[in-house]
Amino acid sequence: CERIRGRKATLDEIQTVHSEHHTLLYGTSPLNRQKLDSKKLLGPISQKMYAVLPCGGIGVDSDTAWNEMHSSSAVRMAVGCLVELAF
């Protein structure tokens, strides 16, 4: 067995499969998003599209929960760990 150290994926790694707009919108935290160029964040859609879930929470679609403060970090960690395993 070999222990692999986990890490967050870089935005460049995420952009290998997603657009810059999608990467900045969903791959950054609200605090980091404030530092970015608002034109890049607006992209082709001027607002984030969220769905109201049956439980009353919000999600990016009807079956995917989204936590504004933590989901982007969790996703980047999952992707970074997968990249480390693959390479």
Protein backbone atom coordinates (compact mmCIF):
# COMPACT_ATOMS: atom_id res chain seq x y z
CA CYS A 1 0.00 0.00 0.00
CA GLU A 2 1.08 3.53 -0.67
CA ARG A 3 -0.39 6.55 1.08
CA ILE A 4 -1.27 9.37 -1.30
CA ARG A 5 -1.54 12.89 0.06
CA GLY A 6 -4.82 14.60 -0.77
CA ARG A 7 -4.95 18.10 -2.21
CA LYS A 8 -7.34 20.57 -3.78
CA ALA A 9 -7.45 20.69 -7.56
CA THR A 10 -6.17 23.86 -9.15
CA LEU A 11 -8.55 26.01 -11.17
CA ASP A 12 -6.47 25.16 -14.25
CA GLU A 13 -7.09 21.45 -13.67
CA ILE A 14 -10.82 22.05 -13.36
CA GLN A 15 -10.77 24.09 -16.58
CA THR A 16 -9.55 21.06 -18.50
CA VAL A 17 -13.17 19.82 -18.42
CA HIS A 18 -15.22 22.94 -17.55
CA SER A 19 -15.46 26.46 -18.95
CA GLU A 20 -13.72 29.35 -17.21
CA HIS A 21 -17.12 30.76 -16.23
CA HIS A 22 -18.26 27.46 -14.66
CA THR A 23 -14.92 27.01 -12.90
CA LEU A 24 -14.98 30.48 -11.34
CA LEU A 25 -18.66 30.31 -10.41
CA TYR A 26 -18.64 26.87 -8.78
CA GLY A 27 -14.94 26.28 -8.01
CA THR A 28 -14.28 29.33 -5.83
CA SER A 29 -15.56 30.41 -2.44
CA PRO A 30 -17.71 33.55 -2.00
CA LEU A 31 -14.75 35.34 -0.38
CA ASN A 32 -12.39 34.54 -3.26
CA ARG A 33 -15.07 35.39 -5.82
CA GLN A 34 -15.13 38.99 -4.55
CA LYS A 35 -11.50 39.40 -5.68
CA LEU A 36 -12.21 38.27 -9.25
CA ASP A 37 -13.18 40.29 -12.30
CA SER A 38 -16.98 40.49 -12.24
CA LYS A 39 -17.09 40.24 -16.06
CA LYS A 40 -15.63 36.73 -15.88
CA LEU A 41 -18.17 35.71 -13.25
CA LEU A 42 -21.15 37.00 -15.19
CA GLY A 43 -20.29 35.06 -18.32
CA PRO A 44 -23.22 34.22 -20.58
CA ILE A 45 -25.61 34.00 -17.62
CA SER A 46 -25.92 36.99 -15.34
CA GLN A 47 -27.18 35.07 -12.29
CA LYS A 48 -26.45 31.74 -10.69
CA MET A 49 -29.23 29.31 -11.29
CA TYR A 50 -30.24 27.40 -8.18
CA ALA A 51 -33.16 25.07 -7.63
CA VAL A 52 -35.27 24.84 -4.48
CA LEU A 53 -35.05 21.30 -3.14
CA PRO A 54 -38.03 19.38 -1.67
CA CYS A 55 -36.50 19.84 1.80
CA GLY A 56 -36.55 23.63 1.34
CA GLY A 57 -32.78 23.95 0.79
CA ILE A 58 -31.04 25.09 -2.38
CA GLY A 59 -29.13 23.11 -4.97
CA VAL A 60 -27.56 23.54 -8.38
CA ASP A 61 -30.29 21.25 -9.71
CA SER A 62 -33.24 19.41 -8.19
CA ASP A 63 -31.18 16.58 -6.66
CA THR A 64 -27.82 18.20 -5.84
CA ALA A 65 -27.46 20.11 -2.56
CA TRP A 66 -25.13 23.15 -2.55
CA ASN A 67 -23.56 24.87 0.45
CA GLU A 68 -22.21 28.25 -0.61
CA MET A 69 -19.35 28.21 1.91
CA HIS A 70 -18.20 24.59 1.68
CA SER A 71 -19.29 22.81 -1.51
CA SER A 72 -16.65 24.36 -3.79
CA SER A 73 -13.87 23.38 -1.38
CA ALA A 74 -15.20 19.82 -1.03
CA VAL A 75 -15.47 19.45 -4.80
CA ARG A 76 -11.94 20.76 -5.38
CA MET A 77 -10.57 18.37 -2.74
CA ALA A 78 -12.35 15.40 -4.35
CA VAL A 79 -11.04 16.31 -7.82
CA GLY A 80 -7.51 16.94 -6.54
CA CYS A 81 -7.42 13.56 -4.78
CA LEU A 82 -8.63 11.84 -7.94
CA VAL A 83 -5.96 13.58 -10.02
CA GLU A 84 -3.29 12.43 -7.54
CA LEU A 85 -4.54 8.83 -7.78
CA ALA A 86 -4.65 8.92 -11.58
CA PHE A 87 -1.18 10.37 -12.07
